[in-house]
Amino acid sequence: MYQYNEQDQTLIEERVNEFRGQTQRFLNGDLGADQFRALRLMNGLYLQTHAPMLRVAVPYGLLSSKQLRKLASVARDYDRGYCHFTTRQNVQYNWPALERVPDLLAELATVQMHAIQTSGNCLRNTTSDHLAGICKDEIEDPRPYCEIIRQWTTLHPEFAFLPRKFKIAVSGATHDRAAVQLHDIGVYLVKNAAGETGFQILVGGGLGRTPIIGQTIRPYLEKQHLLSYLEAIVRIYNLFGRRDNKYKARIKILVKETGLEKFKAMVEREWERIRDSMPLSEQRIAEMKAHFAPPAYEAAANDAPDFAKQLADNADFAKWVKYNTVEHKISGYQGVYISLKAPDSPPGDITAEQLEAVADLADRYSFGEVRSSHRQNLVLADVKQTDLFAVWQKLDANKLATPNIGTVTDIICCPGLDFCSLANASSISVARELNSRLDDMDYIHDIGDIKINMSGCMNGCAHQSVGHIGILGVDKHGEEWYQITLGGSSENEAAIGERLGPAVAKDQIATVVTDILDVYVQQRLEDEAFLQTVKRVGLEPFRERVYANH
């Protein structure tokens, strides 16, 4: 993974010292709340319902075991013994004391971590495929380009106060696991007709109140022009994005109101002015790729005579291998998902003790690295097949081996009303009830990949708009109700879910979801996935069942 140089380290340390002074001035009454708000947001700090919330950047989801151990110690010393992984691959602490946040950030800086630009109207943390570098469908590892983009975006002087927040995602595989089409800018690594690798650039995607799928603004861009073209897009957005209405300030609205062709012409004119002033050289790309060189894989790792017997002798282990491991491009290795979706735990939460256990596993079995995924789970990317049984045992002992990756209990969930001051309804308690109800159903592991996403407000932090089953909390005369959508997807054929009908009460959500699953089981053809069934039969069979009972 990328290692900070002296300049990188100096930058984050000076940023901590700067924020320490700003925080002290606010606590002393020398800075007003509005003045401090802009400063704290640029350092990842929100003032939530019960306490401040700090969002820590995990660039493109990559963590070292040393960083995991620091996250664990911070959870103990500054929070309540746990932290939360988000859909943008970041980490959040929900209970730090405001006066101690600068000390917390200083601790993170010792392991090359920070909270810079994890909130505010700026260029946010760049995200990517959690299987980058190990998946068989990869055209090229996207992580070097993610790091190049991270360095370009960090404290960019022109883009510190954009009309609204701005998010970029990069994928190097044919299967989109990074929701690229749902970002302000999406970047795919692609090959042109001559077999050369470059970038397909998308623009104008986004979720929240007005979910929109991004459109291709440039089908093929040479690598040398990556930064200049991204700069041109953000410049046009910064100049013409609406600042009079925060709900219409995102680039997706600008592209929609302007029209893609006119917007593209504006970008191309700006790009012509700056394209030669900031080339991305082959040397810089090569230097960055060196930070992401493949680890020292063992040639004999595929010699696993006991593996078949372990699968045959232990049904629980076999189920875990089926759902929580993934094929690796190197024979004899597999990627291992660490489920943060145990039935009795809030989705995405992990304790200090669990973080330390994962760090130990990473050091012993996966070259000291861990990834965070968009579905609020973790990944050990490089585990030898011969070590899977030992890894499973240790994960199971730490309540991190729930065999539910890609199933209906692998629920994406925001903190909701339990923590967030913006939320209209609870998420965590509803997810817990759903998990409990669904975990008791015999056919959960037989109905395939069904993604449930649940958000407590229209900001859509849990991406409910693109859930196969989306659940959105709404306030109805002071009570918690929930709108249901079906048919969304964040993968290659991205789609926005359609609303099923009127909102339903909180105490009916678990029954509604089981009704939807029952209709799917009754309506599906052999081996037909949930989305295929919804597309084929439409919403009416689901609507009839749900509203007949509610």
Protein backbone atom coordinates (compact mmCIF):
# COMPACT_ATOMS: atom_id res chain seq x y z
CA MET A 1 0.00 0.00 0.00
CA TYR A 2 1.02 3.62 -0.41
CA GLN A 3 3.50 4.83 2.23
CA TYR A 4 3.56 8.50 3.19
CA ASN A 5 6.68 10.47 2.43
CA GLU A 6 7.96 13.31 4.61
CA GLN A 7 5.77 15.84 2.81
CA ASP A 8 2.62 13.75 3.33
CA GLN A 9 3.36 13.30 7.02
CA THR A 10 4.14 16.97 7.57
CA LEU A 11 0.87 17.96 5.92
CA ILE A 12 -1.36 15.87 8.18
CA GLU A 13 0.57 16.80 11.32
CA GLU A 14 0.29 20.50 10.53
CA ARG A 15 -3.40 20.03 9.76
CA VAL A 16 -3.87 18.53 13.24
CA ASN A 17 -2.11 21.47 14.86
CA GLU A 18 -4.20 23.92 12.85
CA PHE A 19 -7.44 22.23 13.90
CA ARG A 20 -6.28 22.07 17.51
CA GLY A 21 -6.03 25.85 17.52
CA GLN A 22 -9.40 26.26 15.81
CA THR A 23 -11.11 23.94 18.30
CA GLN A 24 -9.60 25.74 21.27
CA ARG A 25 -10.69 29.10 19.92
CA PHE A 26 -14.24 27.78 19.51
CA LEU A 27 -14.29 26.36 23.04
CA ASN A 28 -12.97 29.68 24.35
CA GLY A 29 -15.76 31.55 22.57
CA ASP A 30 -13.44 33.28 20.11
CA LEU A 31 -15.01 31.49 17.09
CA GLY A 32 -18.75 31.45 16.45
CA ALA A 33 -20.64 28.25 15.70
CA ASP A 34 -21.06 29.11 12.01
CA GLN A 35 -17.38 29.96 11.63
CA PHE A 36 -16.35 26.75 13.36
CA ARG A 37 -18.81 24.66 11.36
CA ALA A 38 -16.96 25.15 8.07
CA LEU A 39 -13.62 24.40 9.75
CA ARG A 40 -14.75 21.25 11.57
CA LEU A 41 -16.50 19.83 8.53
CA MET A 42 -13.28 20.08 6.52
CA ASN A 43 -11.76 17.94 9.27
CA GLY A 44 -14.48 15.30 9.26
CA LEU A 45 -16.28 16.42 12.42
CA TYR A 46 -20.08 16.53 12.73
CA LEU A 47 -22.14 17.57 15.74
CA GLN A 48 -24.72 14.80 16.03
CA THR A 49 -27.68 14.04 18.28
CA HIS A 50 -25.77 12.76 21.31
CA ALA A 51 -22.12 13.65 20.69
CA PRO A 52 -19.72 14.70 17.92
CA MET A 53 -19.15 12.18 15.14
CA LEU A 54 -15.73 11.96 13.52
CA ARG A 55 -15.35 10.43 10.05
CA VAL A 56 -11.88 9.04 9.34
CA ALA A 57 -10.65 8.61 5.76
CA VAL A 58 -9.76 5.15 4.50
CA PRO A 59 -8.55 5.94 0.97
CA TYR A 60 -9.99 3.42 -1.50
CA GLY A 61 -10.68 1.10 1.46
CA LEU A 62 -7.11 -0.03 2.16
CA LEU A 63 -5.82 -0.48 5.73
CA SER A 64 -2.67 -1.90 7.30
CA SER A 65 -2.74 -4.04 10.43
CA LYS A 66 -0.92 -1.21 12.23
CA GLN A 67 -3.71 1.17 11.31
CA LEU A 68 -6.35 -1.31 12.50
CA ARG A 69 -4.65 -1.53 15.88
CA LYS A 70 -4.61 2.26 16.11
CA LEU A 71 -8.33 2.38 15.25
CA ALA A 72 -8.86 -0.10 18.10
CA SER A 73 -6.90 1.94 20.64
CA VAL A 74 -8.72 5.12 19.57
CA ALA A 75 -12.05 3.31 20.01
CA ARG A 76 -11.06 2.44 23.58
CA ASP A 77 -9.45 5.72 24.57
CA TYR A 78 -11.69 8.26 22.82
CA ASP A 79 -14.98 6.48 22.12
CA ARG A 80 -17.05 3.64 23.61
CA GLY A 81 -14.97 0.71 22.48
CA TYR A 82 -16.14 0.41 18.88
CA CYS A 83 -16.24 2.17 15.52
CA HIS A 84 -18.39 1.97 12.38
CA PHE A 85 -17.48 1.21 8.74
CA THR A 86 -19.46 3.19 6.17
CA THR A 87 -20.62 2.58 2.61
CA ARG A 88 -17.81 4.87 1.41
CA GLN A 89 -15.18 2.57 2.96
CA ASN A 90 -14.47 5.08 5.76
CA VAL A 91 -14.57 4.74 9.56
CA GLN A 92 -16.75 6.72 11.96
CA TYR A 93 -16.54 7.30 15.71
CA ASN A 94 -19.85 8.27 17.29
CA TRP A 95 -18.88 9.36 20.81
CA PRO A 96 -15.66 11.43 20.92
CA ALA A 97 -15.58 14.48 23.19
CA LEU A 98 -15.14 17.66 21.17
CA GLU A 99 -12.20 18.92 23.21
CA ARG A 100 -10.35 15.62 22.69
CA VAL A 101 -10.80 15.37 18.90
CA PRO A 102 -7.47 17.11 18.12
CA ASP A 103 -5.68 14.55 20.31
CA LEU A 104 -7.55 11.77 18.53
CA LEU A 105 -6.44 13.14 15.14
CA ALA A 106 -2.85 13.37 16.40
CA GLU A 107 -3.01 9.68 17.32
CA LEU A 108 -4.27 8.81 13.82
CA ALA A 109 -1.51 10.87 12.22
CA THR A 110 1.10 8.57 13.76
CA VAL A 111 -0.14 5.78 11.44
CA GLN A 112 -0.72 7.89 8.32
CA MET A 113 -4.44 8.41 8.90
CA HIS A 114 -6.55 11.57 8.99
CA ALA A 115 -10.06 12.98 8.58
CA ILE A 116 -9.26 15.63 5.99
CA GLN A 117 -12.13 16.27 3.54
CA THR A 118 -14.32 13.44 4.81
CA SER A 119 -17.14 15.98 5.07
CA GLY A 120 -17.94 19.47 3.82
CA ASN A 121 -18.47 20.81 0.30
CA CYS A 122 -15.21 19.52 -1.08
CA LEU A 123 -13.62 16.62 -2.97
CA ARG A 124 -14.33 13.64 -0.71
CA ASN A 125 -12.47 10.38 -0.17
CA THR A 126 -11.93 8.45 -3.44
CA THR A 127 -13.42 4.96 -3.36
CA SER A 128 -12.73 1.81 -5.35
CA ASP A 129 -13.22 -1.94 -5.74
CA HIS A 130 -12.51 -3.83 -2.52
CA LEU A 131 -11.21 -6.74 -4.64
CA ALA A 132 -8.75 -4.53 -6.55
CA GLY A 133 -5.55 -6.34 -7.43
CA ILE A 134 -6.90 -9.85 -6.75
CA CYS A 135 -9.98 -10.32 -8.95
CA LYS A 136 -9.84 -12.32 -12.16
CA ASP A 137 -11.96 -9.86 -14.14
CA GLU A 138 -9.55 -6.95 -13.64
CA ILE A 139 -8.23 -4.99 -16.61
CA GLU A 140 -5.74 -3.13 -14.42
CA ASP A 141 -5.33 -2.45 -10.71
CA PRO A 142 -7.13 0.88 -10.06
CA ARG A 143 -5.42 1.66 -6.74
CA PRO A 144 -2.40 3.54 -8.15
CA TYR A 145 -4.79 5.90 -9.94
CA CYS A 146 -6.91 6.24 -6.80
CA GLU A 147 -3.83 7.35 -4.90
CA ILE A 148 -2.88 9.80 -7.64
CA ILE A 149 -6.41 11.23 -7.44
CA ARG A 150 -6.22 11.34 -3.63
CA GLN A 151 -3.07 13.42 -3.76
CA TRP A 152 -4.58 15.75 -6.37
CA THR A 153 -7.77 16.28 -4.32
CA THR A 154 -6.16 16.75 -0.91
CA LEU A 155 -6.41 20.43 0.10
CA HIS A 156 -6.86 21.46 -3.52
CA PRO A 157 -6.93 25.26 -3.11
CA GLU A 158 -9.50 25.89 -5.86
CA PHE A 159 -12.00 23.27 -4.71
CA ALA A 160 -12.14 23.80 -0.94
CA PHE A 161 -15.70 25.21 -1.02
CA LEU A 162 -17.63 23.67 -3.90
CA PRO A 163 -21.41 24.12 -4.33
CA ARG A 164 -21.82 20.72 -2.60
CA LYS A 165 -19.86 17.61 -1.72
CA PHE A 166 -18.14 15.79 -4.58
CA LYS A 167 -17.36 12.08 -4.82
CA ILE A 168 -15.18 10.08 -7.22
CA ALA A 169 -15.04 6.29 -7.67
CA VAL A 170 -12.60 4.23 -9.75
CA SER A 171 -12.89 0.61 -10.95
CA GLY A 172 -10.48 -1.50 -12.96
CA ALA A 173 -12.66 -4.59 -13.41
CA THR A 174 -15.39 -5.62 -15.83
CA HIS A 175 -17.75 -6.21 -12.87
CA ASP A 176 -18.52 -2.93 -11.11
CA ARG A 177 -18.17 -3.45 -7.36
CA ALA A 178 -17.58 0.26 -6.66
CA ALA A 179 -20.93 1.77 -7.72
CA VAL A 180 -19.05 3.89 -10.27
CA GLN A 181 -22.20 5.01 -12.08
CA LEU A 182 -23.58 6.57 -8.90
CA HIS A 183 -20.81 9.08 -8.26
CA ASP A 184 -20.27 12.70 -9.25
CA ILE A 185 -17.40 11.40 -11.39
CA GLY A 186 -17.00 7.72 -12.21
CA VAL A 187 -13.83 6.29 -13.71
CA TYR A 188 -13.56 2.88 -15.41
CA LEU A 189 -10.28 1.47 -16.67
CA VAL A 190 -11.01 0.26 -20.22
CA LYS A 191 -9.21 -0.83 -23.39
CA ASN A 192 -9.63 0.93 -26.72
CA ALA A 193 -9.76 -0.70 -30.15
CA ALA A 194 -5.96 -0.82 -30.27
CA GLY A 195 -5.78 -2.69 -26.96
CA GLU A 196 -4.42 0.31 -25.05
CA THR A 197 -5.64 0.89 -21.50
CA GLY A 198 -7.17 4.23 -20.60
CA PHE A 199 -10.23 5.60 -18.83
CA GLN A 200 -13.95 5.83 -19.50
CA ILE A 201 -15.21 8.91 -17.64
CA LEU A 202 -18.78 9.23 -16.34
CA VAL A 203 -20.33 12.32 -14.81
CA GLY A 204 -23.49 13.36 -12.99
CA GLY A 205 -24.31 10.30 -10.92
CA GLY A 206 -25.49 10.45 -7.34
CA LEU A 207 -28.02 9.26 -4.78
CA GLY A 208 -29.74 11.17 -1.97
CA ARG A 209 -33.00 13.04 -2.63
CA THR A 210 -32.65 12.87 -6.40
CA PRO A 211 -30.95 9.62 -7.40
CA ILE A 212 -29.47 9.76 -10.91
CA ILE A 213 -27.27 7.35 -12.83
CA GLY A 214 -24.13 8.91 -14.30
CA GLN A 215 -23.58 9.31 -18.04
CA THR A 216 -20.47 8.78 -20.11
CA ILE A 217 -18.87 12.12 -20.92
CA ARG A 218 -15.76 10.62 -22.53
CA PRO A 219 -15.67 6.96 -23.69
CA TYR A 220 -11.87 6.84 -23.77
CA LEU A 221 -9.29 9.11 -22.17
CA GLU A 222 -5.54 8.55 -22.40
CA LYS A 223 -3.87 8.03 -19.03
CA GLN A 224 -1.71 11.13 -19.33
CA HIS A 225 -4.81 13.32 -19.28
CA LEU A 226 -6.54 11.88 -16.21
CA LEU A 227 -5.92 14.77 -13.81
CA SER A 228 -6.42 17.56 -16.33
CA TYR A 229 -9.76 16.13 -17.46
CA LEU A 230 -11.00 15.65 -13.89
CA GLU A 231 -9.86 19.19 -13.09
CA ALA A 232 -11.79 20.54 -16.07
CA ILE A 233 -14.99 18.80 -14.92
CA VAL A 234 -14.73 20.10 -11.37
CA ARG A 235 -13.90 23.62 -12.58
CA ILE A 236 -17.07 23.75 -14.68
CA TYR A 237 -19.09 22.43 -11.76
CA ASN A 238 -17.51 24.96 -9.40
CA LEU A 239 -18.35 27.80 -11.79
CA PHE A 240 -21.90 26.83 -12.76
CA GLY A 241 -23.17 24.54 -9.99
CA ARG A 242 -26.12 26.05 -8.14
CA ARG A 243 -25.38 27.68 -4.80
CA ASP A 244 -28.87 29.06 -4.17
CA ASN A 245 -30.41 25.72 -3.21
CA LYS A 246 -28.43 22.96 -1.51
CA TYR A 247 -30.86 20.32 -2.77
CA LYS A 248 -30.07 21.30 -6.35
CA ALA A 249 -26.38 22.02 -5.89
CA ARG A 250 -24.88 18.64 -6.86
CA ILE A 251 -23.28 18.17 -10.27
CA LYS A 252 -26.01 15.66 -11.19
CA ILE A 253 -28.51 18.54 -11.23
CA LEU A 254 -26.18 20.75 -13.27
CA VAL A 255 -25.70 18.00 -15.87
CA LYS A 256 -29.43 17.28 -15.96
CA GLU A 257 -30.46 20.92 -16.34
CA THR A 258 -27.68 21.80 -18.79
CA GLY A 259 -27.86 18.61 -20.85
CA LEU A 260 -24.94 16.24 -21.27
CA GLU A 261 -23.83 17.51 -24.69
CA LYS A 262 -23.71 21.16 -23.64
CA PHE A 263 -22.02 20.26 -20.37
CA LYS A 264 -19.45 18.17 -22.25
CA ALA A 265 -18.71 21.06 -24.62
CA MET A 266 -18.05 23.33 -21.63
CA VAL A 267 -15.72 20.75 -20.10
CA GLU A 268 -13.87 20.16 -23.36
CA ARG A 269 -13.24 23.89 -23.81
CA GLU A 270 -11.86 24.16 -20.30
CA TRP A 271 -9.79 21.02 -20.80
CA GLU A 272 -8.19 22.39 -23.96
CA ARG A 273 -6.94 25.33 -21.89
CA ILE A 274 -5.30 23.23 -19.16
CA ARG A 275 -4.57 19.78 -20.62
CA ASP A 276 -0.90 20.42 -21.31
CA SER A 277 -0.23 22.08 -17.96
CA MET A 278 -0.74 19.01 -15.76
CA PRO A 279 0.22 15.81 -17.64
CA LEU A 280 0.33 12.50 -15.79
CA SER A 281 3.70 11.05 -16.81
CA GLU A 282 4.47 7.38 -17.32
CA GLN A 283 7.21 7.74 -14.72
CA ARG A 284 4.77 8.94 -12.07
CA ILE A 285 2.36 6.13 -12.88
CA ALA A 286 5.20 3.59 -12.63
CA GLU A 287 6.36 5.04 -9.30
CA MET A 288 2.85 4.81 -7.93
CA LYS A 289 2.36 1.27 -9.19
CA ALA A 290 5.45 0.24 -7.24
CA HIS A 291 3.53 0.97 -4.02
CA PHE A 292 0.94 -1.62 -5.04
CA ALA A 293 3.19 -4.41 -6.29
CA PRO A 294 1.78 -7.91 -5.70
CA PRO A 295 2.87 -9.53 -2.42
CA ALA A 296 5.15 -12.57 -2.28
CA TYR A 297 2.63 -15.27 -3.16
CA GLU A 298 3.72 -18.85 -2.55
CA ALA A 299 3.84 -21.10 -5.58
CA ALA A 300 2.87 -24.14 -3.48
CA ALA A 301 -0.19 -22.49 -1.93
CA ASN A 302 -2.55 -24.52 -4.13
CA ASP A 303 -1.36 -27.76 -2.51
CA ALA A 304 -4.19 -28.11 0.02
CA PRO A 305 -4.90 -31.83 0.49
CA ASP A 306 -6.86 -31.28 3.71
CA PHE A 307 -9.17 -28.61 2.32
CA ALA A 308 -11.67 -30.96 0.68
CA LYS A 309 -11.84 -33.05 3.86
CA GLN A 310 -12.39 -29.97 6.01
CA LEU A 311 -15.30 -28.96 3.78
CA ALA A 312 -16.78 -32.43 3.90
CA ASP A 313 -16.39 -32.84 7.66
CA ASN A 314 -17.67 -29.45 8.81
CA ALA A 315 -20.93 -28.10 7.40
CA ASP A 316 -20.55 -24.71 9.13
CA PHE A 317 -17.10 -24.22 7.62
CA ALA A 318 -18.38 -25.26 4.18
CA LYS A 319 -21.23 -22.75 4.39
CA TRP A 320 -18.81 -19.99 5.39
CA VAL A 321 -16.49 -20.84 2.48
CA LYS A 322 -19.43 -20.74 0.07
CA TYR A 323 -20.70 -17.32 1.15
CA ASN A 324 -17.73 -15.51 2.69
CA THR A 325 -14.84 -16.33 0.37
CA VAL A 326 -14.20 -15.29 -3.21
CA GLU A 327 -12.06 -16.59 -6.06
CA HIS A 328 -8.55 -15.15 -6.31
CA LYS A 329 -6.51 -14.57 -9.47
CA ILE A 330 -3.62 -16.53 -7.92
CA SER A 331 -4.17 -20.27 -7.70
CA GLY A 332 -4.21 -21.52 -4.12
CA TYR A 333 -5.42 -18.21 -2.63
CA GLN A 334 -8.85 -16.82 -1.84
CA GLY A 335 -10.28 -13.51 -0.72
CA VAL A 336 -12.05 -13.72 2.63
CA TYR A 337 -14.98 -11.51 3.63
CA ILE A 338 -15.20 -10.62 7.31
CA SER A 339 -18.88 -10.13 8.04
CA LEU A 340 -19.79 -7.11 10.17
CA LYS A 341 -23.42 -8.25 10.05
CA ALA A 342 -23.81 -10.58 13.02
CA PRO A 343 -27.53 -10.82 13.88
CA ASP A 344 -27.19 -9.04 17.23
CA SER A 345 -24.82 -6.26 16.09
CA PRO A 346 -25.52 -2.98 14.24
CA PRO A 347 -24.43 -3.36 10.59
CA GLY A 348 -20.90 -2.05 10.04
CA ASP A 349 -19.96 -1.82 13.72
CA ILE A 350 -16.80 -3.50 15.03
CA THR A 351 -15.34 -3.52 18.54
CA ALA A 352 -11.78 -2.71 19.54
CA GLU A 353 -11.19 -6.35 20.41
CA GLN A 354 -12.48 -7.47 17.02
CA LEU A 355 -10.28 -4.91 15.24
CA GLU A 356 -7.24 -6.31 17.02
CA ALA A 357 -8.25 -9.86 16.13
CA VAL A 358 -8.56 -8.86 12.46
CA ALA A 359 -5.16 -7.16 12.61
CA ASP A 360 -3.62 -10.35 13.99
CA LEU A 361 -5.22 -12.39 11.19
CA ALA A 362 -3.99 -9.91 8.58
CA ASP A 363 -0.43 -10.15 9.86
CA ARG A 364 -0.44 -13.93 10.00
CA TYR A 365 -2.47 -14.83 6.92
CA SER A 366 -2.86 -11.84 4.53
CA PHE A 367 0.37 -9.84 4.23
CA GLY A 368 -0.67 -7.36 6.91
CA GLU A 369 -3.46 -5.68 4.92
CA VAL A 370 -7.25 -5.41 5.16
CA ARG A 371 -9.85 -3.77 2.90
CA SER A 372 -13.22 -2.22 3.72
CA SER A 373 -16.11 -2.81 1.33
CA HIS A 374 -19.07 -0.72 0.17
CA ARG A 375 -21.41 -3.08 1.99
CA GLN A 376 -19.84 -2.34 5.38
CA ASN A 377 -17.76 -5.50 5.63
CA LEU A 378 -14.01 -6.15 5.66
CA VAL A 379 -11.84 -8.27 3.37
CA LEU A 380 -8.64 -10.26 3.88
CA ALA A 381 -7.54 -10.26 0.27
CA ASP A 382 -4.76 -12.85 0.13
CA VAL A 383 -5.46 -15.94 2.24
CA LYS A 384 -3.96 -19.30 1.30
CA GLN A 385 -6.52 -22.04 0.87
CA THR A 386 -4.56 -24.11 3.38
CA ASP A 387 -5.17 -21.39 5.99
CA LEU A 388 -8.91 -20.92 5.48
CA PHE A 389 -9.96 -23.31 8.23
CA ALA A 390 -7.74 -21.61 10.80
CA VAL A 391 -8.95 -18.16 9.69
CA TRP A 392 -12.58 -19.27 9.94
CA GLN A 393 -12.06 -20.63 13.46
CA LYS A 394 -10.55 -17.36 14.67
CA LEU A 395 -13.21 -15.25 12.98
CA ASP A 396 -15.95 -17.46 14.39
CA ALA A 397 -14.52 -17.10 17.90
CA ASN A 398 -14.77 -13.32 17.48
CA LYS A 399 -18.33 -13.22 16.02
CA LEU A 400 -16.98 -12.20 12.61
CA ALA A 401 -17.87 -15.31 10.61
CA THR A 402 -21.60 -14.94 9.99
CA PRO A 403 -22.03 -16.74 6.62
CA ASN A 404 -24.21 -14.10 5.02
CA ILE A 405 -22.22 -12.16 2.41
CA GLY A 406 -24.56 -11.47 -0.50
CA THR A 407 -27.63 -12.71 1.37
CA VAL A 408 -30.61 -10.76 2.67
CA THR A 409 -29.05 -10.44 6.13
CA ASP A 410 -26.01 -8.65 4.67
CA ILE A 411 -27.92 -5.41 5.18
CA ILE A 412 -26.49 -1.96 4.50
CA CYS A 413 -27.65 0.39 7.23
CA CYS A 414 -26.92 4.00 8.24
CA PRO A 415 -26.83 5.03 11.93
CA GLY A 416 -30.31 6.55 11.57
CA LEU A 417 -32.18 8.24 14.39
CA ASP A 418 -30.04 6.48 17.00
CA PHE A 419 -27.17 8.88 16.27
CA CYS A 420 -27.77 11.15 13.28
CA SER A 421 -29.36 14.57 13.78
CA LEU A 422 -30.60 14.55 10.17
CA ALA A 423 -32.49 11.26 10.40
CA ASN A 424 -36.27 10.93 10.36
CA ALA A 425 -36.41 7.31 11.49
CA SER A 426 -34.43 4.53 13.11
CA SER A 427 -32.27 2.15 11.11
CA ILE A 428 -30.22 0.07 13.55
CA SER A 429 -33.15 -1.31 15.55
CA VAL A 430 -35.06 -2.13 12.36
CA ALA A 431 -32.01 -3.89 10.91
CA ARG A 432 -31.68 -5.91 14.12
CA GLU A 433 -35.32 -7.01 13.92
CA LEU A 434 -34.95 -7.84 10.22
CA ASN A 435 -31.83 -9.88 10.91
CA SER A 436 -33.57 -11.78 13.68
CA ARG A 437 -36.63 -12.54 11.53
CA LEU A 438 -34.69 -13.44 8.40
CA ASP A 439 -32.14 -15.54 10.24
CA ASP A 440 -34.94 -17.87 11.30
CA MET A 441 -36.09 -18.51 7.72
CA ASP A 442 -34.96 -21.83 6.31
CA TYR A 443 -34.54 -20.71 2.73
CA ILE A 444 -32.37 -17.59 3.22
CA HIS A 445 -29.27 -19.29 1.87
CA ASP A 446 -31.21 -20.71 -1.08
CA ILE A 447 -32.66 -17.52 -2.54
CA GLY A 448 -29.38 -16.05 -3.72
CA ASP A 449 -28.02 -12.53 -3.86
CA ILE A 450 -30.56 -10.03 -2.51
CA LYS A 451 -29.32 -6.68 -1.27
CA ILE A 452 -31.30 -4.77 1.35
CA ASN A 453 -30.28 -1.13 1.89
CA MET A 454 -31.85 1.00 4.61
CA SER A 455 -31.48 4.75 5.27
CA GLY A 456 -33.00 6.86 8.02
CA CYS A 457 -33.47 9.96 5.83
CA MET A 458 -33.50 11.30 2.28
CA ASN A 459 -29.73 11.86 2.30
CA GLY A 460 -29.53 8.15 1.57
CA CYS A 461 -26.19 7.33 3.22
CA ALA A 462 -27.07 3.62 2.99
CA HIS A 463 -27.91 3.90 -0.74
CA GLN A 464 -31.48 2.67 -0.38
CA SER A 465 -32.29 3.96 -3.88
CA VAL A 466 -30.14 1.23 -5.42
CA GLY A 467 -30.94 -1.61 -3.04
CA HIS A 468 -32.66 -4.65 -4.51
CA ILE A 469 -35.00 -3.90 -1.62
CA GLY A 470 -34.68 -0.29 -0.47
CA ILE A 471 -36.03 0.99 2.84
CA LEU A 472 -36.24 4.73 3.53
CA GLY A 473 -37.27 6.19 6.88
CA VAL A 474 -39.73 9.10 6.76
CA ASP A 475 -41.39 11.24 9.40
CA LYS A 476 -45.17 10.93 9.35
CA HIS A 477 -46.82 13.22 11.92
CA GLY A 478 -43.97 12.59 14.37
CA GLU A 479 -43.98 8.82 13.86
CA GLU A 480 -41.44 6.59 12.10
CA TRP A 481 -42.65 5.17 8.78
CA TYR A 482 -40.77 3.61 5.89
CA GLN A 483 -41.03 3.75 2.11
CA ILE A 484 -40.15 0.58 0.18
CA THR A 485 -38.52 0.42 -3.27
CA LEU A 486 -37.75 -2.63 -5.39
CA GLY A 487 -35.43 -3.28 -8.33
CA GLY A 488 -32.47 -1.01 -7.60
CA SER A 489 -28.88 -1.93 -8.40
CA SER A 490 -25.45 -0.31 -8.04
CA GLU A 491 -23.61 -2.75 -10.28
CA ASN A 492 -23.06 -2.88 -14.06
CA GLU A 493 -26.71 -2.45 -14.98
CA ALA A 494 -27.27 0.29 -12.43
CA ALA A 495 -30.92 1.08 -11.71
CA ILE A 496 -32.95 3.23 -9.34
CA GLY A 497 -35.54 1.26 -7.41
CA GLU A 498 -39.27 1.92 -7.94
CA ARG A 499 -41.50 2.81 -5.02
CA LEU A 500 -43.77 -0.06 -4.06
CA GLY A 501 -46.55 2.04 -2.59
CA PRO A 502 -47.49 4.01 0.55
CA ALA A 503 -45.09 4.02 3.50
CA VAL A 504 -45.54 1.33 6.15
CA ALA A 505 -45.25 1.57 9.92
CA LYS A 506 -42.05 0.66 11.74
CA ASP A 507 -43.50 -2.42 13.40
CA GLN A 508 -44.51 -3.83 9.99
CA ILE A 509 -41.15 -3.62 8.20
CA ALA A 510 -39.97 -7.14 9.02
CA THR A 511 -43.27 -8.64 7.86
CA VAL A 512 -43.23 -6.57 4.66
CA VAL A 513 -39.74 -7.79 3.75
CA THR A 514 -40.64 -11.43 4.40
CA ASP A 515 -43.78 -10.97 2.28
CA ILE A 516 -41.63 -9.62 -0.57
CA LEU A 517 -39.30 -12.59 -0.29
CA ASP A 518 -42.24 -15.02 -0.26
CA VAL A 519 -43.59 -13.49 -3.48
CA TYR A 520 -40.15 -13.81 -5.08
CA VAL A 521 -39.90 -17.49 -4.13
CA GLN A 522 -43.38 -18.13 -5.55
CA GLN A 523 -42.85 -16.14 -8.78
CA ARG A 524 -39.25 -16.90 -9.73
CA LEU A 525 -38.30 -19.23 -12.52
CA GLU A 526 -35.54 -21.78 -12.03
CA ASP A 527 -32.24 -20.05 -11.08
CA GLU A 528 -33.82 -16.64 -11.65
CA ALA A 529 -32.30 -13.86 -9.55
CA PHE A 530 -34.45 -11.45 -7.55
CA LEU A 531 -33.84 -8.50 -9.89
CA GLN A 532 -34.72 -10.62 -12.92
CA THR A 533 -37.98 -11.68 -11.32
CA VAL A 534 -38.88 -8.10 -10.40
CA LYS A 535 -38.13 -6.96 -13.95
CA ARG A 536 -40.15 -9.81 -15.48
CA VAL A 537 -43.30 -9.73 -13.31
CA GLY A 538 -43.27 -6.06 -12.29
CA LEU A 539 -44.24 -4.62 -8.92
CA GLU A 540 -47.89 -5.61 -8.89
CA PRO A 541 -47.55 -9.13 -7.37
CA PHE A 542 -45.39 -7.70 -4.57
CA ARG A 543 -47.73 -4.74 -4.09
CA GLU A 544 -50.80 -6.96 -3.85
CA ARG A 545 -49.22 -9.15 -1.16
CA VAL A 546 -47.76 -6.35 0.92
CA TYR A 547 -50.81 -4.08 0.99
CA ALA A 548 -53.30 -6.91 1.31
CA ASN A 549 -51.84 -7.59 4.75
CA HIS A 550 -51.06 -4.00 5.76
